[in-house]
Amino acid sequence: MKLDSLVDLVLGWAYARNIIDGSDYYRQYMKAQSEMGELADALLKGNKEETKDAIGDVLVCLINLSEQVDLSLEECLESAYNSIKDRKGIMFNGVFVKETDENYERIVKHVKADEAVKI
């Protein structure tokens, strides 16, 4: 199935169960946080099926939340992409550090020094 079709199905499911109108964005946000905890647990255990389920549950919560604040998942993702598409930086200890980070120059020097030692 295509993502937009799945989003429509999720929203139909949520409206039918009064999740959108019967709750609020704060509670949906808290539910997404709860699902993130389940995702963390699945990742820590290396359980791919539980990881897939948890990522899906987080997406359901975010779809519901975006609907409650009158935004589409597509426009949220597009906005995020437009913010990152030209971003530059470096990977350090498994984390992307933006070129605008106050520690960027120090980290670049550290990474280059580590690379020189490996040669």
N, C-alpha and C. Protein backbone atom coordinates (compact mmCIF):
# COMPACT_ATOMS: atom_id res chain seq x y z
N MET A 1 0.83 -1.20 0.00
CA MET A 1 0.00 0.00 0.00
C MET A 1 0.87 1.25 0.00
N LYS A 2 0.36 2.30 -0.59
CA LYS A 2 1.04 3.59 -0.61
C LYS A 2 0.84 4.31 0.72
N LEU A 3 1.82 5.13 1.07
CA LEU A 3 1.78 5.84 2.36
C LEU A 3 0.53 6.70 2.50
N ASP A 4 0.15 7.42 1.45
CA ASP A 4 -1.03 8.29 1.56
C ASP A 4 -2.31 7.48 1.78
N SER A 5 -2.41 6.30 1.20
CA SER A 5 -3.56 5.43 1.44
C SER A 5 -3.58 4.93 2.87
N LEU A 6 -2.40 4.58 3.39
CA LEU A 6 -2.31 4.11 4.77
C LEU A 6 -2.66 5.23 5.76
N VAL A 7 -2.22 6.44 5.47
CA VAL A 7 -2.56 7.58 6.32
C VAL A 7 -4.07 7.76 6.36
N ASP A 8 -4.72 7.68 5.20
CA ASP A 8 -6.18 7.80 5.15
C ASP A 8 -6.86 6.70 5.95
N LEU A 9 -6.35 5.48 5.86
CA LEU A 9 -6.92 4.37 6.64
C LEU A 9 -6.74 4.59 8.13
N VAL A 10 -5.56 5.04 8.54
CA VAL A 10 -5.30 5.32 9.95
C VAL A 10 -6.26 6.40 10.45
N LEU A 11 -6.42 7.47 9.68
CA LEU A 11 -7.31 8.55 10.10
C LEU A 11 -8.76 8.08 10.17
N GLY A 12 -9.18 7.26 9.22
CA GLY A 12 -10.54 6.70 9.28
C GLY A 12 -10.74 5.87 10.53
N TRP A 13 -9.74 5.06 10.85
CA TRP A 13 -9.77 4.23 12.07
C TRP A 13 -9.85 5.11 13.31
N ALA A 14 -9.02 6.17 13.34
CA ALA A 14 -8.96 7.05 14.51
C ALA A 14 -10.27 7.83 14.69
N TYR A 15 -10.83 8.33 13.60
CA TYR A 15 -12.11 9.05 13.71
C TYR A 15 -13.22 8.11 14.16
N ALA A 16 -13.24 6.89 13.64
CA ALA A 16 -14.28 5.93 14.00
C ALA A 16 -14.23 5.58 15.49
N ARG A 17 -13.06 5.70 16.10
CA ARG A 17 -12.90 5.38 17.52
C ARG A 17 -12.84 6.62 18.40
N ASN A 18 -13.16 7.78 17.81
CA ASN A 18 -13.21 9.05 18.52
C ASN A 18 -11.86 9.46 19.12
N ILE A 19 -10.78 9.01 18.51
CA ILE A 19 -9.45 9.35 19.01
C ILE A 19 -9.10 10.81 18.66
N ILE A 20 -9.48 11.26 17.49
CA ILE A 20 -9.13 12.61 17.06
C ILE A 20 -9.92 13.65 17.84
N ASP A 21 -11.24 13.52 17.83
CA ASP A 21 -12.09 14.52 18.49
C ASP A 21 -12.27 14.26 19.98
N GLY A 22 -12.09 13.04 20.41
CA GLY A 22 -12.34 12.69 21.81
C GLY A 22 -11.13 12.85 22.70
N SER A 23 -10.04 13.29 22.14
CA SER A 23 -8.82 13.48 22.91
C SER A 23 -8.20 14.81 22.49
N ASP A 24 -6.96 15.03 22.84
CA ASP A 24 -6.29 16.27 22.44
C ASP A 24 -4.84 15.98 22.07
N TYR A 25 -4.21 17.00 21.51
CA TYR A 25 -2.85 16.81 21.02
C TYR A 25 -1.87 16.45 22.12
N TYR A 26 -2.07 16.94 23.35
CA TYR A 26 -1.16 16.61 24.44
C TYR A 26 -1.20 15.12 24.74
N ARG A 27 -2.40 14.56 24.83
CA ARG A 27 -2.52 13.13 25.13
C ARG A 27 -1.99 12.27 23.98
N GLN A 28 -2.19 12.74 22.77
CA GLN A 28 -1.66 11.98 21.63
C GLN A 28 -0.13 12.05 21.61
N TYR A 29 0.40 13.20 21.99
CA TYR A 29 1.86 13.33 22.12
C TYR A 29 2.38 12.37 23.19
N MET A 30 1.70 12.32 24.33
CA MET A 30 2.12 11.42 25.41
C MET A 30 2.03 9.96 24.97
N LYS A 31 1.02 9.62 24.19
CA LYS A 31 0.90 8.25 23.66
C LYS A 31 2.07 7.95 22.73
N ALA A 32 2.45 8.92 21.91
CA ALA A 32 3.60 8.72 21.02
C ALA A 32 4.87 8.49 21.84
N GLN A 33 5.02 9.22 22.93
CA GLN A 33 6.18 9.01 23.80
C GLN A 33 6.18 7.61 24.40
N SER A 34 5.01 7.14 24.79
CA SER A 34 4.89 5.78 25.32
C SER A 34 5.30 4.75 24.27
N GLU A 35 4.85 4.97 23.05
CA GLU A 35 5.21 4.06 21.96
C GLU A 35 6.71 4.14 21.66
N MET A 36 7.31 5.31 21.83
CA MET A 36 8.76 5.44 21.65
C MET A 36 9.50 4.58 22.69
N GLY A 37 8.95 4.50 23.88
CA GLY A 37 9.55 3.63 24.90
C GLY A 37 9.50 2.18 24.47
N GLU A 38 8.38 1.77 23.88
CA GLU A 38 8.28 0.40 23.38
C GLU A 38 9.26 0.17 22.23
N LEU A 39 9.47 1.19 21.41
CA LEU A 39 10.44 1.10 20.33
C LEU A 39 11.85 0.93 20.89
N ALA A 40 12.18 1.70 21.89
CA ALA A 40 13.50 1.59 22.52
C ALA A 40 13.71 0.18 23.06
N ASP A 41 12.70 -0.37 23.70
CA ASP A 41 12.79 -1.71 24.27
C ASP A 41 13.01 -2.75 23.16
N ALA A 42 12.26 -2.63 22.07
CA ALA A 42 12.40 -3.57 20.95
C ALA A 42 13.80 -3.48 20.32
N LEU A 43 14.31 -2.26 20.18
CA LEU A 43 15.65 -2.08 19.62
C LEU A 43 16.71 -2.67 20.54
N LEU A 44 16.57 -2.42 21.83
CA LEU A 44 17.53 -2.97 22.79
C LEU A 44 17.56 -4.49 22.77
N LYS A 45 16.41 -5.09 22.54
CA LYS A 45 16.31 -6.55 22.50
C LYS A 45 16.64 -7.12 21.12
N GLY A 46 16.81 -6.24 20.14
CA GLY A 46 17.11 -6.70 18.79
C GLY A 46 15.97 -7.46 18.14
N ASN A 47 14.73 -7.14 18.54
CA ASN A 47 13.56 -7.84 18.03
C ASN A 47 12.99 -7.06 16.84
N LYS A 48 13.23 -7.56 15.63
CA LYS A 48 12.84 -6.85 14.42
C LYS A 48 11.32 -6.72 14.29
N GLU A 49 10.58 -7.76 14.61
CA GLU A 49 9.11 -7.69 14.49
C GLU A 49 8.53 -6.67 15.47
N GLU A 50 9.01 -6.67 16.71
CA GLU A 50 8.53 -5.69 17.68
C GLU A 50 8.97 -4.28 17.29
N THR A 51 10.15 -4.16 16.69
CA THR A 51 10.63 -2.86 16.21
C THR A 51 9.71 -2.34 15.12
N LYS A 52 9.37 -3.20 14.17
CA LYS A 52 8.47 -2.80 13.08
C LYS A 52 7.11 -2.36 13.64
N ASP A 53 6.57 -3.12 14.57
CA ASP A 53 5.29 -2.78 15.18
C ASP A 53 5.37 -1.45 15.93
N ALA A 54 6.45 -1.25 16.66
CA ALA A 54 6.59 -0.03 17.45
C ALA A 54 6.75 1.20 16.56
N ILE A 55 7.53 1.08 15.49
CA ILE A 55 7.66 2.21 14.56
C ILE A 55 6.29 2.53 13.97
N GLY A 56 5.54 1.51 13.60
CA GLY A 56 4.19 1.73 13.08
C GLY A 56 3.29 2.41 14.10
N ASP A 57 3.38 1.99 15.37
CA ASP A 57 2.56 2.60 16.42
C ASP A 57 2.92 4.07 16.61
N VAL A 58 4.21 4.38 16.55
CA VAL A 58 4.65 5.78 16.67
C VAL A 58 4.08 6.58 15.50
N LEU A 59 4.15 6.02 14.29
CA LEU A 59 3.61 6.72 13.13
C LEU A 59 2.10 6.96 13.26
N VAL A 60 1.37 5.97 13.77
CA VAL A 60 -0.07 6.15 13.98
C VAL A 60 -0.31 7.33 14.91
N CYS A 61 0.43 7.39 15.99
CA CYS A 61 0.27 8.51 16.94
C CYS A 61 0.60 9.85 16.28
N LEU A 62 1.65 9.88 15.47
CA LEU A 62 2.03 11.13 14.82
C LEU A 62 1.03 11.54 13.75
N ILE A 63 0.45 10.58 13.07
CA ILE A 63 -0.61 10.88 12.10
C ILE A 63 -1.80 11.49 12.83
N ASN A 64 -2.19 10.87 13.94
CA ASN A 64 -3.31 11.39 14.74
C ASN A 64 -3.00 12.79 15.27
N LEU A 65 -1.80 12.96 15.78
CA LEU A 65 -1.39 14.25 16.33
C LEU A 65 -1.40 15.33 15.25
N SER A 66 -0.87 15.01 14.08
CA SER A 66 -0.85 16.01 13.00
C SER A 66 -2.28 16.40 12.62
N GLU A 67 -3.18 15.45 12.62
CA GLU A 67 -4.58 15.75 12.31
C GLU A 67 -5.18 16.67 13.38
N GLN A 68 -4.86 16.42 14.63
CA GLN A 68 -5.41 17.22 15.73
C GLN A 68 -4.92 18.66 15.70
N VAL A 69 -3.75 18.89 15.16
CA VAL A 69 -3.22 20.27 15.09
C VAL A 69 -3.37 20.86 13.69
N ASP A 70 -4.18 20.20 12.87
CA ASP A 70 -4.53 20.67 11.53
C ASP A 70 -3.32 20.80 10.61
N LEU A 71 -2.48 19.77 10.63
CA LEU A 71 -1.34 19.68 9.72
C LEU A 71 -1.38 18.29 9.09
N SER A 72 -0.89 18.20 7.87
CA SER A 72 -0.81 16.87 7.27
C SER A 72 0.57 16.29 7.53
N LEU A 73 0.64 14.98 7.56
CA LEU A 73 1.93 14.30 7.71
C LEU A 73 2.87 14.73 6.58
N GLU A 74 2.32 14.86 5.38
CA GLU A 74 3.12 15.26 4.22
C GLU A 74 3.73 16.64 4.40
N GLU A 75 2.93 17.62 4.87
CA GLU A 75 3.49 18.96 5.01
C GLU A 75 4.51 19.02 6.15
N CYS A 76 4.32 18.22 7.18
CA CYS A 76 5.31 18.17 8.27
C CYS A 76 6.62 17.58 7.78
N LEU A 77 6.53 16.48 7.03
CA LEU A 77 7.73 15.84 6.50
C LEU A 77 8.42 16.74 5.48
N GLU A 78 7.64 17.41 4.65
CA GLU A 78 8.21 18.33 3.67
C GLU A 78 8.94 19.48 4.36
N SER A 79 8.36 20.00 5.41
CA SER A 79 8.99 21.08 6.17
C SER A 79 10.30 20.62 6.78
N ALA A 80 10.31 19.42 7.35
CA ALA A 80 11.53 18.88 7.95
C ALA A 80 12.59 18.67 6.87
N TYR A 81 12.19 18.11 5.74
CA TYR A 81 13.15 17.88 4.66
C TYR A 81 13.75 19.20 4.17
N ASN A 82 12.90 20.21 4.00
CA ASN A 82 13.40 21.50 3.54
C ASN A 82 14.40 22.11 4.53
N SER A 83 14.25 21.77 5.81
CA SER A 83 15.19 22.26 6.83
C SER A 83 16.52 21.53 6.77
N ILE A 84 16.50 20.26 6.37
CA ILE A 84 17.74 19.47 6.42
C ILE A 84 18.44 19.29 5.08
N LYS A 85 17.76 19.54 3.98
CA LYS A 85 18.28 19.15 2.67
C LYS A 85 19.64 19.74 2.34
N ASP A 86 19.93 20.92 2.82
CA ASP A 86 21.22 21.55 2.53
C ASP A 86 22.15 21.56 3.74
N ARG A 87 21.74 20.90 4.80
CA ARG A 87 22.51 20.89 6.04
C ARG A 87 23.81 20.12 5.84
N LYS A 88 24.86 20.66 6.39
CA LYS A 88 26.16 20.00 6.34
C LYS A 88 26.63 19.75 7.76
N GLY A 89 27.46 18.73 7.89
CA GLY A 89 27.97 18.39 9.21
C GLY A 89 28.86 17.17 9.12
N ILE A 90 29.04 16.53 10.27
CA ILE A 90 29.95 15.40 10.36
C ILE A 90 29.37 14.39 11.35
N MET A 91 29.63 13.12 11.08
CA MET A 91 29.23 12.07 12.03
C MET A 91 30.29 11.96 13.11
N PHE A 92 29.86 11.96 14.35
CA PHE A 92 30.77 11.84 15.48
C PHE A 92 30.11 10.98 16.55
N ASN A 93 30.75 9.87 16.88
CA ASN A 93 30.20 8.93 17.86
C ASN A 93 28.77 8.50 17.51
N GLY A 94 28.53 8.33 16.22
CA GLY A 94 27.22 7.86 15.77
C GLY A 94 26.14 8.92 15.74
N VAL A 95 26.52 10.19 15.91
CA VAL A 95 25.55 11.29 15.92
C VAL A 95 25.97 12.32 14.88
N PHE A 96 25.01 12.83 14.12
CA PHE A 96 25.29 13.87 13.14
C PHE A 96 25.39 15.21 13.86
N VAL A 97 26.53 15.86 13.75
CA VAL A 97 26.75 17.17 14.36
C VAL A 97 26.71 18.21 13.24
N LYS A 98 25.77 19.13 13.35
CA LYS A 98 25.60 20.16 12.33
C LYS A 98 26.80 21.10 12.30
N GLU A 99 27.08 21.58 11.12
CA GLU A 99 28.16 22.53 10.91
C GLU A 99 27.95 23.81 11.73
N THR A 100 26.71 24.10 12.10
CA THR A 100 26.40 25.30 12.89
C THR A 100 26.52 25.06 14.39
N ASP A 101 26.78 23.82 14.79
CA ASP A 101 26.93 23.51 16.22
C ASP A 101 28.17 24.19 16.78
N GLU A 102 28.08 24.73 17.96
CA GLU A 102 29.22 25.44 18.56
C GLU A 102 30.44 24.55 18.76
N ASN A 103 30.26 23.24 18.80
CA ASN A 103 31.36 22.30 18.99
C ASN A 103 31.89 21.71 17.69
N TYR A 104 31.33 22.14 16.56
CA TYR A 104 31.66 21.54 15.27
C TYR A 104 33.16 21.56 14.97
N GLU A 105 33.79 22.70 15.07
CA GLU A 105 35.22 22.82 14.72
C GLU A 105 36.07 21.92 15.61
N ARG A 106 35.77 21.89 16.90
CA ARG A 106 36.51 21.04 17.82
C ARG A 106 36.35 19.57 17.44
N ILE A 107 35.12 19.18 17.07
CA ILE A 107 34.85 17.79 16.70
C ILE A 107 35.56 17.43 15.40
N VAL A 108 35.56 18.33 14.43
CA VAL A 108 36.25 18.08 13.16
C VAL A 108 37.73 17.83 13.42
N LYS A 109 38.35 18.66 14.25
CA LYS A 109 39.77 18.47 14.59
C LYS A 109 40.00 17.12 15.25
N HIS A 110 39.09 16.75 16.14
CA HIS A 110 39.20 15.47 16.86
C HIS A 110 39.09 14.30 15.86
N VAL A 111 38.13 14.37 14.96
CA VAL A 111 37.93 13.30 13.98
C VAL A 111 39.14 13.19 13.06
N LYS A 112 39.64 14.33 12.59
CA LYS A 112 40.83 14.32 11.70
C LYS A 112 42.04 13.76 12.42
N ALA A 113 42.19 14.09 13.69
CA ALA A 113 43.33 13.55 14.48
C ALA A 113 43.19 12.05 14.63
N ASP A 114 41.98 11.55 14.86
CA ASP A 114 41.74 10.10 14.96
C ASP A 114 42.05 9.40 13.65
N GLU A 115 41.66 10.02 12.53
CA GLU A 115 41.91 9.43 11.22
C GLU A 115 43.41 9.38 10.93
N ALA A 116 44.15 10.39 11.35
CA ALA A 116 45.59 10.42 11.13
C ALA A 116 46.28 9.30 11.91
N VAL A 117 45.79 9.01 13.10
CA VAL A 117 46.37 7.94 13.92
C VAL A 117 46.12 6.57 13.29
N LYS A 118 44.98 6.39 12.63
CA LYS A 118 44.63 5.10 12.01
C LYS A 118 45.48 4.81 10.78
N ILE A 119 46.03 5.83 10.17
CA ILE A 119 46.81 5.63 8.94
C ILE A 119 48.13 5.08 9.24
